[in-house]
């Protein structure tokens, strides 16, 4: 009898491969991110905070 936890062709193996692919794609794109130095708060953000009484 095969231990399903170690079966690379089973559901756990599929989930492991999907996770590994997702992680690899995350790392690939993370390395290529460039900081956005032009960021500033939008007008909508200040309008939302004024609705809730924040200034």
C-alpha atoms as a PDB file:
ATOM      1  CA  UNK A   1       0.000   0.000   0.000  1.00  0.00           C
ATOM      2  CA  UNK A   2       1.335   3.423  -0.949  1.00  0.00           C
ATOM      3  CA  UNK A   3       1.400   6.270   1.565  1.00  0.00           C
ATOM      4  CA  UNK A   4      -0.771   8.965  -0.041  1.00  0.00           C
ATOM      5  CA  UNK A   5       1.220  11.725   1.720  1.00  0.00           C
ATOM      6  CA  UNK A   6       4.295  10.779  -0.312  1.00  0.00           C
ATOM      7  CA  UNK A   7       2.480  10.074  -3.575  1.00  0.00           C
ATOM      8  CA  UNK A   8       3.625  12.735  -6.043  1.00  0.00           C
ATOM      9  CA  UNK A   9       0.858  11.770  -8.454  1.00  0.00           C
ATOM     10  CA  UNK A  10      -1.886  12.264  -5.863  1.00  0.00           C
ATOM     11  CA  UNK A  11      -3.768  15.347  -4.763  1.00  0.00           C
ATOM     12  CA  UNK A  12      -1.033  16.413  -2.361  1.00  0.00           C
ATOM     13  CA  UNK A  13       1.530  16.192  -5.133  1.00  0.00           C
ATOM     14  CA  UNK A  14      -0.666  18.317  -7.382  1.00  0.00           C
ATOM     15  CA  UNK A  15      -1.101  20.922  -4.662  1.00  0.00           C
ATOM     16  CA  UNK A  16       2.653  20.926  -4.018  1.00  0.00           C
ATOM     17  CA  UNK A  17       3.427  21.517  -7.712  1.00  0.00           C
ATOM     18  CA  UNK A  18       0.820  24.288  -7.925  1.00  0.00           C
ATOM     19  CA  UNK A  19       2.256  25.959  -4.837  1.00  0.00           C
ATOM     20  CA  UNK A  20       5.819  25.651  -6.148  1.00  0.00           C
ATOM     21  CA  UNK A  21       4.813  27.209  -9.472  1.00  0.00           C
ATOM     22  CA  UNK A  22       2.937  30.028  -7.745  1.00  0.00           C
ATOM     23  CA  UNK A  23       5.887  30.720  -5.431  1.00  0.00           C
ATOM     24  CA  UNK A  24       8.332  30.718  -8.349  1.00  0.00           C
ATOM     25  CA  UNK A  25       6.173  33.208 -10.253  1.00  0.00           C
ATOM     26  CA  UNK A  26       5.872  35.391  -7.154  1.00  0.00           C
ATOM     27  CA  UNK A  27       9.652  35.462  -6.693  1.00  0.00           C
ATOM     28  CA  UNK A  28      10.207  36.116 -10.409  1.00  0.00           C
ATOM     29  CA  UNK A  29       7.950  39.167 -10.399  1.00  0.00           C
ATOM     30  CA  UNK A  30       9.014  40.378  -6.948  1.00  0.00           C
ATOM     31  CA  UNK A  31      12.609  40.690  -8.137  1.00  0.00           C
ATOM     32  CA  UNK A  32      11.478  42.878 -11.026  1.00  0.00           C
ATOM     33  CA  UNK A  33       9.318  45.309  -9.063  1.00  0.00           C
ATOM     34  CA  UNK A  34      10.452  48.898  -9.218  1.00  0.00           C
ATOM     35  CA  UNK A  35       9.510  51.271  -6.405  1.00  0.00           C
ATOM     36  CA  UNK A  36       6.890  53.770  -7.490  1.00  0.00           C
ATOM     37  CA  UNK A  37       8.401  57.108  -6.500  1.00  0.00           C
ATOM     38  CA  UNK A  38       5.491  59.074  -7.963  1.00  0.00           C
ATOM     39  CA  UNK A  39       2.932  57.790  -5.453  1.00  0.00           C
ATOM     40  CA  UNK A  40       0.744  60.329  -3.689  1.00  0.00           C
ATOM     41  CA  UNK A  41      -2.588  60.164  -1.909  1.00  0.00           C
ATOM     42  CA  UNK A  42      -5.568  60.617  -4.172  1.00  0.00           C
ATOM     43  CA  UNK A  43      -8.326  63.171  -3.782  1.00  0.00           C
ATOM     44  CA  UNK A  44     -10.771  60.307  -3.230  1.00  0.00           C
ATOM     45  CA  UNK A  45      -8.818  59.176  -0.175  1.00  0.00           C
ATOM     46  CA  UNK A  46      -9.139  62.576   1.452  1.00  0.00           C
ATOM     47  CA  UNK A  47     -12.859  62.659   0.638  1.00  0.00           C
ATOM     48  CA  UNK A  48     -13.382  59.235   2.223  1.00  0.00           C
ATOM     49  CA  UNK A  49     -11.577  60.252   5.395  1.00  0.00           C
ATOM     50  CA  UNK A  50     -13.651  63.431   5.667  1.00  0.00           C
ATOM     51  CA  UNK A  51     -16.847  61.339   5.472  1.00  0.00           C
ATOM     52  CA  UNK A  52     -15.696  59.410   8.549  1.00  0.00           C
ATOM     53  CA  UNK A  53     -14.682  62.556  10.412  1.00  0.00           C
ATOM     54  CA  UNK A  54     -10.926  62.174   9.967  1.00  0.00           C
ATOM     55  CA  UNK A  55      -8.837  65.091   8.859  1.00  0.00           C
END
